[in-house]
C-alpha atoms as a PDB file:
ATOM      1  CA  MET A   1       0.109  -0.125  -0.030  1.00  0.00           C
ATOM      2  CA  ARG A   2       1.568   3.315  -0.826  1.00  0.00           C
ATOM      3  CA  SER A   3       1.872   5.925   1.904  1.00  0.00           C
ATOM      4  CA  THR A   4      -0.180   9.237   1.667  1.00  0.00           C
ATOM      5  CA  ARG A   5      -0.192  12.054   3.862  1.00  0.00           C
ATOM      6  CA  HIS A   6      -3.471  13.842   4.629  1.00  0.00           C
ATOM      7  CA  ASP A   7      -3.893  16.713   7.271  1.00  0.00           C
ATOM      8  CA  ILE A   8      -7.020  15.779   8.926  1.00  0.00           C
ATOM      9  CA  ARG A   9      -7.962  19.530   9.734  1.00  0.00           C
ATOM     10  CA  LEU A  10      -8.713  20.088   5.899  1.00  0.00           C
ATOM     11  CA  SER A  11     -11.602  17.700   6.433  1.00  0.00           C
ATOM     12  CA  ARG A  12     -12.915  19.534   9.593  1.00  0.00           C
ATOM     13  CA  GLY A  13     -11.233  16.858  11.636  1.00  0.00           C
ATOM     14  CA  ILE A  14     -10.431  18.112  15.389  1.00  0.00           C
ATOM     15  CA  GLY A  15      -7.740  15.517  15.671  1.00  0.00           C
ATOM     16  CA  TYR A  16      -6.698  11.780  16.305  1.00  0.00           C
ATOM     17  CA  GLU A  17      -4.781   9.339  18.827  1.00  0.00           C
ATOM     18  CA  CYS A  18      -3.277   6.242  17.757  1.00  0.00           C
ATOM     19  CA  TYR A  19      -2.236   3.612  20.556  1.00  0.00           C
ATOM     20  CA  ARG A  20      -0.624   0.321  20.348  1.00  0.00           C
ATOM     21  CA  ALA A  21      -2.386  -2.194  22.428  1.00  0.00           C
ATOM     22  CA  ASP A  22      -0.508  -4.733  24.890  1.00  0.00           C
ATOM     23  CA  GLU A  23      -1.192  -7.578  22.234  1.00  0.00           C
ATOM     24  CA  PRO A  24       1.218  -7.465  19.353  1.00  0.00           C
ATOM     25  CA  GLY A  25      -0.160  -6.135  16.190  1.00  0.00           C
ATOM     26  CA  ILE A  26      -3.003  -4.488  17.612  1.00  0.00           C
ATOM     27  CA  TYR A  27      -3.628  -0.635  17.267  1.00  0.00           C
ATOM     28  CA  ILE A  28      -6.293   1.659  18.301  1.00  0.00           C
ATOM     29  CA  LEU A  29      -7.274   4.714  16.251  1.00  0.00           C
ATOM     30  CA  ILE A  30      -9.513   7.091  17.706  1.00  0.00           C
ATOM     31  CA  GLU A  31     -10.483  10.192  15.540  1.00  0.00           C
ATOM     32  CA  ARG A  32     -12.537  13.248  16.634  1.00  0.00           C
ATOM     33  CA  TRP A  33     -14.770  15.338  14.156  1.00  0.00           C
ATOM     34  CA  ALA A  34     -16.468  18.563  13.843  1.00  0.00           C
ATOM     35  CA  ASP A  35     -19.824  16.612  13.172  1.00  0.00           C
ATOM     36  CA  ARG A  36     -21.081  13.499  11.378  1.00  0.00           C
ATOM     37  CA  GLU A  37     -21.382  15.384   7.927  1.00  0.00           C
ATOM     38  CA  ALA A  38     -17.297  15.911   8.401  1.00  0.00           C
ATOM     39  CA  ILE A  39     -16.634  12.259   8.818  1.00  0.00           C
ATOM     40  CA  GLN A  40     -18.972  11.274   5.919  1.00  0.00           C
ATOM     41  CA  VAL A  41     -17.043  13.772   3.642  1.00  0.00           C
ATOM     42  CA  HIS A  42     -13.937  12.347   4.721  1.00  0.00           C
ATOM     43  CA  PHE A  43     -14.813   8.732   4.154  1.00  0.00           C
ATOM     44  CA  LYS A  44     -15.682   9.690   0.507  1.00  0.00           C
ATOM     45  CA  SER A  45     -12.387  11.225  -0.092  1.00  0.00           C
ATOM     46  CA  PRO A  46     -10.310   9.743  -2.617  1.00  0.00           C
ATOM     47  CA  HIS A  47      -7.428   8.253  -0.223  1.00  0.00           C
ATOM     48  CA  MET A  48      -9.961   6.805   2.078  1.00  0.00           C
ATOM     49  CA  ALA A  49     -11.996   5.269  -0.747  1.00  0.00           C
ATOM     50  CA  GLU A  50      -8.875   3.436  -1.663  1.00  0.00           C
ATOM     51  CA  LEU A  51      -7.834   2.594   2.098  1.00  0.00           C
ATOM     52  CA  LEU A  52     -10.974   1.539   3.754  1.00  0.00           C
ATOM     53  CA  PRO A  53     -11.550  -1.599   1.613  1.00  0.00           C
ATOM     54  CA  LYS A  54      -8.203  -2.659   2.526  1.00  0.00           C
ATOM     55  CA  LEU A  55      -8.548  -2.166   6.103  1.00  0.00           C
ATOM     56  CA  ALA A  56     -11.974  -3.600   6.353  1.00  0.00           C
ATOM     57  CA  PRO A  57     -10.890  -7.175   7.211  1.00  0.00           C
ATOM     58  CA  TYR A  58      -8.929  -5.828  10.092  1.00  0.00           C
ATOM     59  CA  ALA A  59     -11.388  -3.377  11.594  1.00  0.00           C
ATOM     60  CA  VAL A  60     -13.436  -4.177  14.706  1.00  0.00           C
ATOM     61  CA  GLU A  61     -16.324  -1.984  16.006  1.00  0.00           C
END
C-alpha cells in the first residue's frame, strides 16, 4: 500500500490519537470530528475510498 499524507484539519477533523495495545499487532485509532457530515465527507475522499476496503478485514467496532 502506498503511503499518503493527509491533514485531518482539511476535512474538519479535530484530531486523532493512535495507541499500540499490549497485544502485538493491535492498534487503536480514535478520531474526533466536528460533526457527522465532516466524517462522511472524509470517508468519501479519494485516499479513504482506496484505503477503507483494504482495512475492512482488520477492523473491529
